[in-house]
Protein backbone atom coordinates (compact mmCIF):
# COMPACT_ATOMS: atom_id res chain seq x y z
CA UNK A 1 4.64 -37.16 8.14
CA UNK A 2 4.61 -40.01 5.65
CA UNK A 3 6.31 -39.76 2.27
CA UNK A 4 2.92 -40.26 0.60
CA UNK A 5 1.42 -37.33 2.51
CA UNK A 6 4.44 -35.13 1.76
CA UNK A 7 4.17 -35.99 -1.92
CA UNK A 8 0.47 -35.16 -1.93
CA UNK A 9 1.06 -31.76 -0.30
CA UNK A 10 3.84 -31.02 -2.79
CA UNK A 11 1.63 -31.88 -5.76
CA UNK A 12 -1.29 -29.81 -4.46
CA UNK A 13 0.97 -26.82 -3.72
CA UNK A 14 2.63 -26.91 -7.11
CA UNK A 15 -0.69 -27.43 -8.88
CA UNK A 16 -2.01 -24.30 -7.19
CA UNK A 17 1.11 -22.38 -8.25
CA UNK A 18 0.76 -23.69 -11.78
CA UNK A 19 -2.92 -22.72 -11.97
CA UNK A 20 -2.14 -19.26 -10.54
CA UNK A 21 0.57 -18.75 -13.17
CA UNK A 22 -1.75 -19.83 -15.99
CA UNK A 23 -4.47 -17.51 -14.70
CA UNK A 24 -2.08 -14.55 -14.59
CA UNK A 25 -0.86 -15.23 -18.13
CA UNK A 26 -4.48 -15.22 -19.32
CA UNK A 27 -5.25 -12.01 -17.40
CA UNK A 28 -2.20 -10.28 -18.89
CA UNK A 29 -3.26 -11.28 -22.40
CA UNK A 30 -6.79 -10.06 -21.79
CA UNK A 31 -5.77 -6.79 -20.12
CA UNK A 32 -5.72 -4.62 -23.30
CA UNK A 33 -9.22 -5.85 -24.18
CA UNK A 34 -10.49 -5.28 -20.63
CA UNK A 35 -9.04 -1.76 -20.72
CA UNK A 36 -10.71 -1.03 -24.05
CA UNK A 37 -14.08 -2.50 -23.06
CA UNK A 38 -14.15 -0.38 -19.93
CA UNK A 39 -14.00 2.85 -21.94
CA UNK A 40 -17.76 3.06 -22.29
CA UNK A 41 -18.57 2.45 -18.65
CA UNK A 42 -18.23 4.12 -15.27
CA UNK A 43 -14.85 2.40 -14.99
CA UNK A 44 -13.50 5.16 -17.25
CA UNK A 45 -14.62 7.89 -14.84
CA UNK A 46 -12.31 10.89 -14.53
CA UNK A 47 -12.91 13.53 -11.85
CA UNK A 48 -10.92 16.75 -11.54
CA UNK A 49 -10.64 19.25 -8.73
CA UNK A 50 -10.94 22.11 -11.22
CA UNK A 51 -11.45 24.75 -8.53
CA UNK A 52 -8.44 23.58 -6.52
CA UNK A 53 -10.61 23.05 -3.43
CA UNK A 54 -8.50 22.49 -0.33
CA UNK A 55 -9.32 19.75 2.17
CA UNK A 56 -11.29 20.42 5.32
CA UNK A 57 -9.12 17.84 7.06
CA UNK A 58 -5.49 17.12 6.28
CA UNK A 59 -4.69 13.78 4.70
CA UNK A 60 -1.32 14.02 6.40
CA UNK A 61 -3.04 13.03 9.64
CA UNK A 62 -3.77 9.60 8.16
CA UNK A 63 -1.67 6.47 8.31
CA UNK A 64 -1.67 2.94 6.96
CA UNK A 65 -0.36 -0.38 8.23
CA UNK A 66 1.72 -1.99 5.50
CA UNK A 67 1.65 -5.72 4.82
CA UNK A 68 5.04 -5.87 6.53
CA UNK A 69 3.36 -4.73 9.73
CA UNK A 70 5.15 -1.39 9.60
CA UNK A 71 3.17 1.81 10.15
CA UNK A 72 3.29 4.26 7.25
CA UNK A 73 2.40 7.89 8.01
CA UNK A 74 1.24 9.98 5.07
CA UNK A 75 2.86 12.99 6.69
CA UNK A 76 6.13 11.54 5.37
CA UNK A 77 4.91 12.44 1.86
CA UNK A 78 4.57 16.18 2.42
CA UNK A 79 5.93 18.02 -0.61
CA UNK A 80 5.37 15.04 -2.96
CA UNK A 81 2.60 13.99 -5.28
CA UNK A 82 1.28 10.56 -4.40
CA UNK A 83 -1.13 8.08 -5.88
CA UNK A 84 -3.44 5.87 -3.81
CA UNK A 85 -4.82 2.81 -5.61
CA UNK A 86 -7.15 0.01 -4.49
CA UNK A 87 -5.75 -3.20 -5.94
CA UNK A 88 -6.66 -6.86 -6.43
CA UNK A 89 -4.79 -9.94 -7.62
CA UNK A 90 -7.42 -11.67 -9.75
CA UNK A 91 -8.91 -8.78 -11.69
CA UNK A 92 -8.91 -7.98 -15.40
CA UNK A 93 -7.07 -4.77 -14.47
CA UNK A 94 -4.36 -6.52 -12.43
CA UNK A 95 -1.93 -5.77 -15.27
CA UNK A 96 -1.88 -2.22 -13.94
CA UNK A 97 0.44 -3.43 -11.18
CA UNK A 98 3.18 -3.44 -13.82
CA UNK A 99 2.19 0.04 -15.04
CA UNK A 100 2.07 1.42 -11.51
CA UNK A 101 5.51 -0.04 -10.86
CA UNK A 102 6.79 1.64 -14.03
CA UNK A 103 5.33 4.95 -12.86
CA UNK A 104 6.93 4.48 -9.45
CA UNK A 105 10.34 3.53 -10.87
CA UNK A 106 10.45 6.47 -13.29
CA UNK A 107 9.65 9.04 -10.66
CA UNK A 108 10.85 7.83 -7.27
CA UNK A 109 14.33 9.33 -7.58
CA UNK A 110 12.89 12.65 -8.75
CA UNK A 111 10.54 12.84 -5.76
CA UNK A 112 7.85 13.34 -8.40
CA UNK A 113 5.24 10.71 -7.59
CA UNK A 114 4.86 8.10 -4.86
CA UNK A 115 2.54 5.09 -5.15
CA UNK A 116 0.71 3.21 -2.38
CA UNK A 117 -1.42 0.13 -3.08
CA UNK A 118 -4.37 -0.91 -0.94
CA UNK A 119 -5.36 -4.53 -1.63
CA UNK A 120 -9.08 -5.04 -1.14
CA UNK A 121 -11.56 -7.85 -1.55
CA UNK A 122 -14.51 -5.48 -1.81
CA UNK A 123 -15.08 -6.68 -5.38
CA UNK A 124 -14.35 -10.35 -4.53
CA UNK A 125 -11.15 -10.61 -6.56
CA UNK A 126 -8.37 -10.52 -3.97
CA UNK A 127 -6.39 -13.26 -2.26
CA UNK A 128 -7.26 -14.25 1.28
CA UNK A 129 -4.31 -12.94 3.28
CA UNK A 130 -1.53 -10.36 3.30
CA UNK A 131 1.31 -12.86 2.99
CA UNK A 132 -0.10 -14.35 -0.22
CA UNK A 133 -0.82 -10.89 -1.64
CA UNK A 134 2.71 -9.70 -0.91
CA UNK A 135 4.23 -12.77 -2.54
CA UNK A 136 1.92 -12.43 -5.53
CA UNK A 137 2.90 -8.79 -6.10
CA UNK A 138 6.62 -9.50 -5.91
CA UNK A 139 6.67 -12.68 -7.98
CA UNK A 140 4.27 -11.64 -10.74
CA UNK A 141 4.92 -7.91 -11.05
CA UNK A 142 8.12 -7.10 -9.17
CA UNK A 143 6.23 -4.59 -7.00
CA UNK A 144 8.47 -2.51 -4.73
CA UNK A 145 6.12 0.36 -3.87
CA UNK A 146 4.38 0.09 -0.47
CA UNK A 147 1.39 -2.22 -0.16
CA UNK A 148 -0.97 -1.92 2.80
CA UNK A 149 -2.67 -4.69 4.67
CA UNK A 150 -5.90 -6.00 3.19
CA UNK A 151 -8.38 -3.12 3.50
CA UNK A 152 -12.00 -2.12 2.98
CA UNK A 153 -12.08 0.74 0.47
CA UNK A 154 -15.78 1.16 -0.37
CA UNK A 155 -18.33 3.05 1.72
CA UNK A 156 -19.31 0.27 4.04
CA UNK A 157 -18.60 -0.54 7.67
CA UNK A 158 -14.93 -0.37 8.63
CA UNK A 159 -13.88 1.57 5.52
CA UNK A 160 -10.19 2.36 5.77
CA UNK A 161 -9.70 5.92 7.17
CA UNK A 162 -7.64 6.94 4.14
CA UNK A 163 -10.40 5.88 1.75
CA UNK A 164 -12.97 7.53 3.97
CA UNK A 165 -11.01 10.75 3.44
CA UNK A 166 -10.76 10.15 -0.32
CA UNK A 167 -14.50 9.52 -0.74
CA UNK A 168 -15.95 12.10 1.65
CA UNK A 169 -16.15 15.76 0.63
CA UNK A 170 -16.52 16.76 4.28
CA UNK A 171 -12.90 15.67 4.65
CA UNK A 172 -11.22 16.10 1.24
CA UNK A 173 -13.23 19.19 0.25
CA UNK A 174 -14.97 18.07 -2.96
CA UNK A 175 -15.01 14.37 -3.84
CA UNK A 176 -17.61 11.81 -2.71
CA UNK A 177 -16.75 9.23 -5.36
CA UNK A 178 -15.75 5.76 -4.23
CA UNK A 179 -13.66 3.51 -6.46
CA UNK A 180 -15.75 2.12 -9.33
CA UNK A 181 -13.83 -1.17 -9.28
CA UNK A 182 -10.35 -2.45 -8.51
CA UNK A 183 -7.55 -0.06 -9.53
CA UNK A 184 -9.33 3.22 -8.94
CA UNK A 185 -6.60 5.87 -8.71
CA UNK A 186 -6.65 8.95 -6.46
CA UNK A 187 -3.97 11.59 -7.03
CA UNK A 188 -2.89 13.95 -4.24
CA UNK A 189 -0.59 16.91 -4.94
CA UNK A 190 2.39 18.31 -3.07
CA UNK A 191 0.12 20.36 -0.75
CA UNK A 192 -2.05 17.42 0.23
CA UNK A 193 -4.92 18.40 -2.09
CA UNK A 194 -6.91 15.65 -3.82
CA UNK A 195 -6.62 16.70 -7.45
CA UNK A 196 -7.96 13.81 -9.54
CA UNK A 197 -9.70 10.47 -9.59
CA UNK A 198 -9.11 8.06 -12.49
CA UNK A 199 -11.20 4.93 -12.91
CA UNK A 200 -9.63 1.52 -13.59
CA UNK A 201 -10.14 1.82 -17.36
CA UNK A 202 -7.66 4.71 -17.39
CA UNK A 203 -4.12 3.36 -17.56
CA UNK A 204 -1.37 5.03 -15.47
CA UNK A 205 0.63 5.24 -18.69
CA UNK A 206 -1.98 7.17 -20.70
CA UNK A 207 -1.41 10.74 -21.81
CA UNK A 208 -4.31 12.17 -19.80
CA UNK A 209 -2.98 10.56 -16.63
CA UNK A 210 0.60 11.64 -17.28
CA UNK A 211 -0.57 15.20 -17.89
CA UNK A 212 -2.24 15.17 -14.50
CA UNK A 213 1.09 14.20 -12.94
CA UNK A 214 2.77 17.09 -14.70
CA UNK A 215 0.44 20.01 -14.25
CA UNK A 216 -3.16 18.84 -13.80
CA UNK A 217 -4.22 20.50 -17.07
CA UNK A 218 -6.20 18.64 -19.72
């Protein structure tokens, strides 16, 4: 490979990195405004399993393939609360990666809450492959909670089995609601019951969300 070609590749690569960094800075600055603007839309949806309806099918039978290629069985989370979130790298709500990591860090040693991210391009705001997504999460947000392979989370063909469970009352017992946008949050309790759905305009650090982690009372 000629020096000229190597130099060109280097410039293009670093330009892409530079543009990605600039875009993420802008998205972080805009995040509070995006969060606020979503308050008056379906993105602020909150659903509660007020009758404590138990699933017709156990979520512990489900599994995910992580972006490392490792299989992750949800049965390993028996006795823990866990949060399942559909994520994206180029979304106005991408700042929630940092908030989800904070939630994960605060609670992981207490066995209080576990977080699993499911990157998805269903809303056309995700990177093209698992390697880039993994690098993005680590570099920009220091993510250490498990991230699955790129998945389909909405109710279309090849919907991930975990999200099929989350959005199908025949399986989870009560909820048919698919994620309104990137960073929809589904909370499952220690008995494997789907207790809550929080739309992307509800931050994981808000009081109403934290109360759900504590006792599911509002």
